[in-house]
Amino acid sequence: MGDSKRMVAITGMGIVSSIGNSIPEFTASLKEGKHGIKKLENMPAPEISVTIGGQIKNFSFEAGLEKYTLLPAETVKNARQFARRSSLPIQASVLATLEAWENSGLYQEQLKSDRIGIVVSGSNLSQNYTYGHYDKFRNTPEYLTPSYALHYMDTDHLGVLSQLLGVKGEGFTAGGASASGNVALIQGFRMVQSGIVDACLVVGALADLSPMELQGFYNLGGMGGKGFAEEPEKACRPFDKDHEGFIYGQAGGCILLEAYDSASARGASIHAFMLGGAIALDGNRLSDPNEEGEARTMISAMAQGNVEASEVSYINAHGTSTPLGDITELKAIRRVFREHTGNIWINSTKGLTGHCLYSAGVVEGIATILQMEQGFVHPNRNLENPVDIGFRFVGKTSSPAELQVALSNSFGFGGINTSVVFKK
């Protein structure tokens, strides 16, 4: 894997999701094939066509903070002060990042503040927050809360997290539509590998969509659930012949990337290594996927990680449950892996969580790392009639699996293709 100073390890992870609000809960759900896709609740007016999704239910920021018993009391106190009145995406980012921070042990022997960075995935992160203020603003604009000018910005995540943890290295938000999570991972990886920072918190920001965005996706024809409105648990069906479109999911996650020499020097536990990642554009402003672009990206990611096709044992697919998207990705996988295709386990975490959009790459990166660490592959819950039988899809229950090298794919509207490579 090259010189030790250039190796990038994963030393911390954290998550808030519809199938678990901590890494242990999320892991158990993956193993059980537990889904979070149900009827949407407490949606603001007006009534829209989208009625199901992987929504986080019964969320409590205060209860979440109580889990972090190892962190300094001052850190937890500040988290409560900074985020108790913030939007759901900010609160999810804070809780997921605190879990990764605690998990990494950096709270005990923190690196120099200017040697730690933050990359937050996604753009337009506060759509539902803005939507919720609009009626009051329209009637009495002079009473709009002054804090709105700060909170609607994506960089509010950076401000809250950097002040909370005393991070003073490089930081920014990275937008790439549904590929944002992987874009952020790749940028964080490059920062650590090149020596800009010794560690980087890569935060997958929760997509709290307003009714307007949800209806827009529905009108575009990208959303599924029409045929399963009364059976939401069956609606997200990656690679199944009855797939209709993606199902919205909510999750926030955090992966802490750290230089191997830094992690080794402080005796940190290492979950896995990130070997590389690639981003490639199709030169296309629309939403249709491109087989050549997806294949080119996987090939480039493996080349950066010095990985041969025969070494890959698992792919966490983009697998959104859209007919064109699923079939295109399978064609791209076959183009890249050829005779090795049948040896590679394939599943899609979206079948359990729904499509978490901006955070999908981080959430699915966490799922990939957990499966590598614990030696299993999670179910393709609703895969009953595969669109192509020439692949080694995981079945409807989890299976033991020895995973040494894995890819995690994320593709976004506007022709944005990404793939990242992990090694046990």
Protein backbone atom coordinates (compact mmCIF):
# COMPACT_ATOMS: atom_id res chain seq x y z
CA MET A 1 0.00 0.00 0.00
CA GLY A 2 2.96 2.29 -0.48
CA ASP A 3 4.89 4.41 2.01
CA SER A 4 3.39 4.39 5.51
CA LYS A 5 3.11 8.17 5.54
CA ARG A 6 0.74 7.97 2.60
CA MET A 7 -1.51 5.23 3.91
CA VAL A 8 -4.95 6.44 4.99
CA ALA A 9 -6.74 4.58 7.77
CA ILE A 10 -10.31 4.77 9.07
CA THR A 11 -10.09 5.28 12.84
CA GLY A 12 -13.59 6.46 13.68
CA MET A 13 -17.19 6.18 12.47
CA GLY A 14 -20.57 7.48 13.58
CA ILE A 15 -24.12 7.41 12.25
CA VAL A 16 -27.70 8.58 12.76
CA SER A 17 -30.18 6.80 10.51
CA SER A 18 -33.61 5.24 10.13
CA ILE A 19 -32.15 1.81 11.01
CA GLY A 20 -29.93 2.81 13.91
CA ASN A 21 -28.67 5.90 15.71
CA SER A 22 -25.24 4.49 16.54
CA ILE A 23 -22.70 2.18 14.93
CA PRO A 24 -23.75 -0.85 17.07
CA GLU A 25 -27.44 -0.31 16.25
CA PHE A 26 -26.70 0.20 12.56
CA THR A 27 -24.53 -2.94 12.46
CA ALA A 28 -27.27 -5.05 14.03
CA SER A 29 -29.78 -3.75 11.49
CA LEU A 30 -27.47 -4.58 8.60
CA LYS A 31 -27.05 -8.13 9.85
CA GLU A 32 -30.80 -8.58 10.40
CA GLY A 33 -31.80 -6.91 7.16
CA LYS A 34 -33.90 -4.44 9.12
CA HIS A 35 -35.39 -1.69 6.96
CA GLY A 36 -36.38 1.87 7.85
CA ILE A 37 -38.81 2.54 5.00
CA LYS A 38 -42.29 3.37 6.26
CA LYS A 39 -45.08 5.89 5.86
CA LEU A 40 -43.80 9.46 6.15
CA GLU A 41 -44.98 11.30 9.26
CA ASN A 42 -45.34 14.94 10.34
CA MET A 43 -44.82 16.28 6.85
CA PRO A 44 -45.58 19.99 6.37
CA ALA A 45 -48.36 21.10 4.03
CA PRO A 46 -49.35 20.72 1.28
CA GLU A 47 -50.11 17.04 0.78
CA ILE A 48 -47.83 15.63 -1.91
CA SER A 49 -47.52 12.49 -4.00
CA VAL A 50 -44.59 11.10 -1.97
CA THR A 51 -45.91 9.20 1.07
CA ILE A 52 -43.14 6.76 2.05
CA GLY A 53 -39.45 6.96 2.88
CA GLY A 54 -36.65 5.99 5.21
CA GLN A 55 -37.46 8.71 7.70
CA ILE A 56 -35.77 8.95 11.09
CA LYS A 57 -38.58 8.46 13.61
CA ASN A 58 -38.73 9.59 17.26
CA PHE A 59 -35.46 11.50 16.95
CA SER A 60 -34.16 13.13 20.13
CA PHE A 61 -30.99 15.20 20.05
CA GLU A 62 -30.87 15.26 23.86
CA ALA A 63 -31.14 11.48 24.12
CA GLY A 64 -28.44 11.13 21.51
CA LEU A 65 -26.03 13.27 23.49
CA GLU A 66 -26.45 11.05 26.56
CA LYS A 67 -24.69 8.18 24.75
CA TYR A 68 -21.30 9.88 24.71
CA THR A 69 -20.16 9.07 28.23
CA LEU A 70 -16.44 8.97 27.37
CA LEU A 71 -16.28 12.46 25.92
CA PRO A 72 -15.37 15.42 28.14
CA ALA A 73 -18.45 16.90 29.80
CA GLU A 74 -17.55 20.28 28.31
CA THR A 75 -17.75 18.88 24.78
CA VAL A 76 -21.22 17.45 25.38
CA LYS A 77 -22.32 20.68 27.07
CA ASN A 78 -21.12 22.73 24.10
CA ALA A 79 -22.82 20.38 21.63
CA ARG A 80 -26.11 20.94 23.45
CA GLN A 81 -25.60 24.70 23.43
CA PHE A 82 -24.51 24.96 19.79
CA ALA A 83 -27.09 22.67 18.18
CA ARG A 84 -30.17 22.27 20.40
CA ARG A 85 -32.11 24.79 18.30
CA SER A 86 -30.55 23.87 15.00
CA SER A 87 -32.08 21.99 12.08
CA LEU A 88 -32.27 18.20 11.90
CA PRO A 89 -29.29 17.97 9.49
CA ILE A 90 -27.04 19.94 11.89
CA GLN A 91 -28.11 17.85 14.88
CA ALA A 92 -27.54 14.61 12.97
CA SER A 93 -24.09 15.84 11.88
CA VAL A 94 -23.17 16.72 15.45
CA LEU A 95 -24.25 13.34 16.87
CA ALA A 96 -22.60 11.30 14.11
CA THR A 97 -19.38 13.30 14.36
CA LEU A 98 -19.26 13.00 18.15
CA GLU A 99 -19.59 9.22 17.83
CA ALA A 100 -16.73 9.10 15.32
CA TRP A 101 -14.66 11.40 17.54
CA GLU A 102 -15.24 9.19 20.59
CA ASN A 103 -14.72 6.01 18.55
CA SER A 104 -11.35 7.29 17.30
CA GLY A 105 -10.01 8.17 20.74
CA LEU A 106 -8.96 11.63 19.59
CA TYR A 107 -10.75 13.16 22.57
CA GLN A 108 -8.01 11.66 24.77
CA GLU A 109 -4.92 12.75 22.86
CA GLN A 110 -6.01 15.26 20.28
CA LEU A 111 -3.82 16.05 17.32
CA LYS A 112 -2.82 19.65 16.79
CA SER A 113 -5.93 21.62 15.91
CA ASP A 114 -4.52 22.85 12.61
CA ARG A 115 -3.69 19.28 11.56
CA ILE A 116 -7.33 18.20 11.52
CA GLY A 117 -9.72 19.00 8.68
CA ILE A 118 -13.44 18.71 7.97
CA VAL A 119 -15.23 17.99 4.70
CA VAL A 120 -19.04 18.09 4.71
CA SER A 121 -20.82 16.37 1.85
CA GLY A 122 -23.69 17.91 -0.04
CA SER A 123 -25.17 21.23 -1.05
CA ASN A 124 -28.54 22.89 -0.45
CA LEU A 125 -28.60 21.09 2.90
CA SER A 126 -31.26 23.24 4.58
CA GLN A 127 -34.17 23.06 2.14
CA ASN A 128 -36.78 22.01 4.70
CA TYR A 129 -35.45 24.56 7.21
CA THR A 130 -35.93 27.32 4.63
CA TYR A 131 -39.34 25.97 3.60
CA GLY A 132 -40.48 26.02 7.23
CA HIS A 133 -39.69 29.73 7.56
CA TYR A 134 -41.36 30.86 4.37
CA ASP A 135 -44.97 31.39 5.51
CA LYS A 136 -43.96 33.48 8.50
CA PHE A 137 -41.55 35.48 6.38
CA ARG A 138 -44.18 36.13 3.73
CA ASN A 139 -46.59 37.53 6.35
CA THR A 140 -44.14 39.35 8.63
CA PRO A 141 -40.69 39.52 7.05
CA GLU A 142 -39.35 41.85 9.73
CA TYR A 143 -39.71 39.08 12.33
CA LEU A 144 -37.52 36.58 10.52
CA THR A 145 -35.00 35.29 13.06
CA PRO A 146 -31.57 36.90 12.54
CA SER A 147 -29.94 33.48 12.91
CA TYR A 148 -31.55 32.40 9.64
CA ALA A 149 -28.81 34.25 7.75
CA LEU A 150 -26.29 31.80 9.23
CA HIS A 151 -28.31 28.60 9.53
CA TYR A 152 -29.50 28.33 5.94
CA MET A 153 -25.89 28.15 4.70
CA ASP A 154 -24.27 24.75 4.17
CA THR A 155 -21.19 26.09 5.94
CA ASP A 156 -23.14 26.19 9.21
CA HIS A 157 -22.09 22.53 9.55
CA LEU A 158 -18.44 23.56 9.31
CA GLY A 159 -18.83 26.34 11.83
CA VAL A 160 -20.64 24.25 14.43
CA LEU A 161 -18.38 21.20 14.14
CA SER A 162 -15.10 23.11 13.99
CA GLN A 163 -15.94 25.19 17.07
CA LEU A 164 -17.26 22.16 18.94
CA LEU A 165 -14.11 20.09 18.42
CA GLY A 166 -11.55 22.87 18.07
CA VAL A 167 -10.71 21.98 14.49
CA LYS A 168 -8.60 24.63 12.72
CA GLY A 169 -7.24 22.85 9.67
CA GLU A 170 -8.64 22.94 6.15
CA GLY A 171 -12.40 22.60 5.73
CA PHE A 172 -15.16 22.99 3.16
CA THR A 173 -18.40 21.56 1.83
CA ALA A 174 -18.34 19.31 -1.23
CA GLY A 175 -21.39 19.08 -3.45
CA GLY A 176 -21.91 16.32 -5.99
CA ALA A 177 -25.65 15.55 -5.89
CA SER A 178 -26.14 11.88 -4.91
CA ALA A 179 -22.38 11.34 -5.25
CA SER A 180 -21.60 13.99 -2.61
CA GLY A 181 -20.66 11.50 0.11
CA ASN A 182 -18.02 9.85 -2.05
CA VAL A 183 -16.82 13.22 -3.35
CA ALA A 184 -16.24 14.27 0.28
CA LEU A 185 -14.45 11.00 1.10
CA ILE A 186 -12.16 11.42 -1.88
CA GLN A 187 -11.33 15.02 -0.99
CA GLY A 188 -10.67 14.07 2.63
CA PHE A 189 -8.49 11.18 1.48
CA ARG A 190 -6.45 13.49 -0.73
CA MET A 191 -5.97 15.98 2.11
CA VAL A 192 -4.63 13.28 4.43
CA GLN A 193 -2.58 11.48 1.79
CA SER A 194 -0.89 14.66 0.61
CA GLY A 195 -0.06 15.82 4.13
CA ILE A 196 -2.33 18.86 4.26
CA VAL A 197 -3.81 17.40 7.45
CA ASP A 198 -3.13 14.35 9.61
CA ALA A 199 -6.81 13.53 10.08
CA CYS A 200 -10.04 14.57 8.40
CA LEU A 201 -13.63 14.29 9.57
CA VAL A 202 -15.74 13.43 6.52
CA VAL A 203 -19.34 14.26 7.40
CA GLY A 204 -22.26 12.98 5.34
CA ALA A 205 -24.96 15.58 5.86
CA LEU A 206 -28.56 14.43 6.21
CA ALA A 207 -30.80 15.51 3.33
CA ASP A 208 -33.89 17.01 4.99
CA LEU A 209 -35.92 17.63 1.86
CA SER A 210 -38.98 19.86 1.84
CA PRO A 211 -42.23 18.81 0.13
CA MET A 212 -41.14 20.84 -2.88
CA GLU A 213 -37.98 18.78 -3.52
CA LEU A 214 -39.81 15.51 -2.90
CA GLN A 215 -42.56 16.42 -5.35
CA GLY A 216 -39.96 17.57 -7.85
CA PHE A 217 -38.19 14.21 -7.78
CA TYR A 218 -41.57 12.50 -8.12
CA ASN A 219 -42.57 14.63 -11.11
CA LEU A 220 -39.19 13.91 -12.72
CA GLY A 221 -40.08 10.23 -12.64
CA GLY A 222 -37.11 9.26 -10.47
CA MET A 223 -39.04 8.26 -7.35
CA GLY A 224 -40.62 4.89 -6.73
CA GLY A 225 -43.24 3.67 -4.29
CA LYS A 226 -46.33 4.04 -6.46
CA GLY A 227 -47.04 0.33 -6.55
CA PHE A 228 -46.09 -0.23 -2.93
CA ALA A 229 -47.71 2.74 -1.21
CA GLU A 230 -49.49 0.42 1.22
CA GLU A 231 -46.49 -1.88 1.63
CA PRO A 232 -43.60 0.58 2.08
CA GLU A 233 -41.20 -2.11 3.29
CA LYS A 234 -41.30 -3.60 -0.23
CA ALA A 235 -40.85 -0.35 -2.15
CA CYS A 236 -37.04 -0.11 -2.41
CA ARG A 237 -35.97 -2.98 -4.69
CA PRO A 238 -32.45 -2.52 -6.09
CA PHE A 239 -31.78 -4.85 -9.03
CA ASP A 240 -35.25 -6.42 -8.84
CA LYS A 241 -37.56 -6.52 -11.87
CA ASP A 242 -40.27 -4.72 -9.89
CA HIS A 243 -38.08 -1.68 -9.12
CA GLU A 244 -39.88 1.60 -9.76
CA GLY A 245 -37.48 4.32 -8.63
CA PHE A 246 -35.53 5.51 -5.63
CA ILE A 247 -37.02 5.84 -2.16
CA TYR A 248 -36.00 8.84 -0.05
CA GLY A 249 -33.96 8.10 3.07
CA GLN A 250 -32.62 10.17 5.94
CA ALA A 251 -29.20 9.61 7.54
CA GLY A 252 -26.18 11.52 8.71
CA GLY A 253 -22.79 9.86 9.04
CA CYS A 254 -19.15 10.55 9.76
CA ILE A 255 -15.96 8.72 8.81
CA LEU A 256 -12.67 9.83 10.35
CA LEU A 257 -9.77 9.40 7.94
CA GLU A 258 -6.30 9.50 9.50
CA ALA A 259 -2.76 9.06 8.28
CA TYR A 260 -1.50 5.62 9.23
CA ASP A 261 1.63 6.97 10.89
CA SER A 262 -0.51 9.26 13.08
CA ALA A 263 -2.93 6.47 14.01
CA SER A 264 -0.10 4.05 14.68
CA ALA A 265 1.81 6.53 16.85
CA ARG A 266 -1.14 6.98 19.19
CA GLY A 267 -2.14 3.29 19.19
CA ALA A 268 -5.52 3.89 17.59
CA SER A 269 -7.73 1.02 16.49
CA ILE A 270 -8.04 0.84 12.71
CA HIS A 271 -11.32 -0.26 11.11
CA ALA A 272 -10.00 -0.43 7.55
CA PHE A 273 -7.89 1.45 5.02
CA MET A 274 -9.07 3.68 2.21
CA LEU A 275 -6.87 2.98 -0.80
CA GLY A 276 -8.21 5.56 -3.25
CA GLY A 277 -11.16 6.94 -5.13
CA ALA A 278 -12.08 8.53 -8.42
CA ILE A 279 -14.48 11.15 -9.75
CA ALA A 280 -15.35 11.39 -13.44
CA LEU A 281 -17.92 13.41 -15.34
CA ASP A 282 -20.05 12.28 -18.27
CA GLY A 283 -20.38 15.74 -19.80
CA ASN A 284 -24.14 15.48 -19.29
CA ARG A 285 -26.42 17.93 -17.45
CA LEU A 286 -29.36 15.50 -17.17
CA SER A 287 -30.21 12.62 -14.82
CA ASP A 288 -29.56 9.63 -17.10
CA PRO A 289 -26.66 7.31 -16.14
CA ASN A 290 -23.79 6.38 -18.42
CA GLU A 291 -22.23 2.92 -18.53
CA GLU A 292 -18.89 4.09 -19.92
CA GLY A 293 -18.50 6.81 -17.29
CA GLU A 294 -19.34 4.46 -14.44
CA ALA A 295 -16.92 1.81 -15.72
CA ARG A 296 -14.16 4.38 -16.23
CA THR A 297 -14.56 5.59 -12.67
CA MET A 298 -14.30 2.12 -11.11
CA ILE A 299 -11.22 1.38 -13.21
CA SER A 300 -9.61 4.68 -12.16
CA ALA A 301 -10.39 4.12 -8.46
CA MET A 302 -8.82 0.67 -8.54
CA ALA A 303 -5.77 1.98 -10.39
CA GLN A 304 -5.25 4.63 -7.72
CA GLY A 305 -5.43 1.96 -5.05
CA ASN A 306 -3.13 -0.45 -6.95
CA VAL A 307 -5.94 -3.01 -6.94
CA GLU A 308 -6.58 -5.62 -9.63
CA ALA A 309 -10.09 -6.64 -10.64
CA SER A 310 -9.44 -10.15 -9.32
CA GLU A 311 -8.76 -8.76 -5.81
CA VAL A 312 -12.20 -7.17 -5.35
CA SER A 313 -14.55 -9.34 -3.32
CA TYR A 314 -17.45 -6.94 -2.71
CA ILE A 315 -19.23 -3.97 -4.29
CA ASN A 316 -21.64 -1.80 -2.36
CA ALA A 317 -23.50 -0.68 -5.44
CA HIS A 318 -25.12 2.67 -6.08
CA GLY A 319 -28.21 0.50 -6.65
CA THR A 320 -30.98 3.07 -6.31
CA SER A 321 -33.88 0.83 -7.40
CA THR A 322 -34.41 2.80 -10.61
CA PRO A 323 -34.82 0.58 -13.70
CA LEU A 324 -32.34 2.41 -15.92
CA GLY A 325 -29.86 3.13 -13.14
CA ASP A 326 -29.69 -0.44 -11.87
CA ILE A 327 -29.27 -2.00 -15.30
CA THR A 328 -26.64 0.56 -16.35
CA GLU A 329 -24.57 -0.08 -13.22
CA LEU A 330 -24.67 -3.85 -13.74
CA LYS A 331 -23.48 -3.40 -17.32
CA ALA A 332 -20.65 -1.18 -16.09
CA ILE A 333 -19.63 -3.74 -13.45
CA ARG A 334 -19.55 -6.52 -16.04
CA ARG A 335 -17.50 -4.32 -18.38
CA VAL A 336 -14.91 -3.73 -15.64
CA PHE A 337 -14.71 -7.13 -13.96
CA ARG A 338 -15.46 -9.45 -16.91
CA GLU A 339 -14.72 -13.06 -15.91
CA HIS A 340 -14.34 -12.06 -12.24
CA THR A 341 -17.88 -10.67 -12.02
CA GLY A 342 -19.41 -13.87 -10.64
CA ASN A 343 -16.96 -13.91 -7.72
CA ILE A 344 -17.96 -10.51 -6.32
CA TRP A 345 -20.66 -10.08 -3.70
CA ILE A 346 -23.08 -7.28 -4.66
CA ASN A 347 -25.72 -5.57 -2.55
CA SER A 348 -27.13 -2.09 -2.03
CA THR A 349 -27.54 -0.53 1.41
CA LYS A 350 -30.30 1.64 -0.06
CA GLY A 351 -32.58 -1.41 0.06
CA LEU A 352 -32.58 -0.95 3.87
CA THR A 353 -32.11 2.80 4.35
CA GLY A 354 -33.57 4.27 1.19
CA HIS A 355 -31.50 6.70 -0.86
CA CYS A 356 -29.84 9.10 1.59
CA LEU A 357 -28.73 11.42 -1.24
CA TYR A 358 -25.92 13.74 -0.06
CA SER A 359 -24.83 11.40 2.74
CA ALA A 360 -25.27 8.16 0.75
CA GLY A 361 -21.57 7.68 0.03
CA VAL A 362 -20.60 8.13 3.68
CA VAL A 363 -23.46 5.94 4.97
CA GLU A 364 -22.64 3.21 2.46
CA GLY A 365 -18.93 3.58 3.18
CA ILE A 366 -19.70 2.87 6.84
CA ALA A 367 -21.83 -0.13 5.84
CA THR A 368 -19.01 -1.43 3.64
CA ILE A 369 -16.38 -1.08 6.38
CA LEU A 370 -18.60 -2.77 8.99
CA GLN A 371 -19.20 -5.74 6.69
CA MET A 372 -15.46 -6.05 6.02
CA GLU A 373 -14.65 -5.82 9.72
CA GLN A 374 -17.24 -8.32 10.89
CA GLY A 375 -17.20 -10.79 8.02
CA PHE A 376 -20.68 -10.68 6.55
CA VAL A 377 -22.71 -9.18 3.71
CA HIS A 378 -26.08 -7.65 4.46
CA PRO A 379 -29.24 -8.75 2.59
CA ASN A 380 -30.71 -7.42 -0.62
CA ARG A 381 -34.00 -7.42 1.25
CA ASN A 382 -36.46 -7.18 -1.66
CA LEU A 383 -34.46 -8.89 -4.38
CA GLU A 384 -36.87 -11.59 -5.59
CA ASN A 385 -36.51 -11.50 -9.38
CA PRO A 386 -33.08 -10.13 -10.36
CA VAL A 387 -32.93 -8.14 -13.58
CA ASP A 388 -29.79 -10.10 -14.46
CA ILE A 389 -28.91 -13.49 -12.97
CA GLY A 390 -25.24 -13.37 -13.94
CA PHE A 391 -24.20 -11.67 -10.69
CA ARG A 392 -23.43 -12.82 -7.17
CA PHE A 393 -26.15 -10.85 -5.44
CA VAL A 394 -26.53 -11.28 -1.70
CA GLY A 395 -29.81 -13.04 -0.99
CA LYS A 396 -32.69 -12.02 1.28
CA THR A 397 -30.70 -12.90 4.40
CA SER A 398 -27.16 -11.94 5.39
CA SER A 399 -24.31 -14.30 4.59
CA PRO A 400 -20.86 -14.85 6.10
CA ALA A 401 -18.20 -13.39 3.81
CA GLU A 402 -14.47 -12.75 3.93
CA LEU A 403 -14.11 -9.33 2.32
CA GLN A 404 -10.56 -8.08 1.76
CA VAL A 405 -11.05 -5.38 -0.88
CA ALA A 406 -14.31 -3.57 -1.61
CA LEU A 407 -15.67 -0.84 -3.87
CA SER A 408 -18.45 1.55 -2.96
CA ASN A 409 -20.13 3.35 -5.88
CA SER A 410 -22.11 6.59 -5.92
CA PHE A 411 -23.45 8.30 -9.04
CA GLY A 412 -25.17 11.68 -9.17
CA PHE A 413 -27.43 13.69 -11.45
CA GLY A 414 -25.46 15.82 -13.86
CA GLY A 415 -23.20 12.96 -14.90
CA ILE A 416 -21.15 12.72 -11.70
CA ASN A 417 -19.57 9.28 -11.24
CA THR A 418 -17.60 8.25 -8.14
CA SER A 419 -16.10 5.08 -6.71
CA VAL A 420 -13.99 4.52 -3.60
CA VAL A 421 -11.83 1.55 -2.59
CA PHE A 422 -11.46 0.11 0.91
CA LYS A 423 -9.16 -2.66 2.20
CA LYS A 424 -9.54 -4.67 5.37
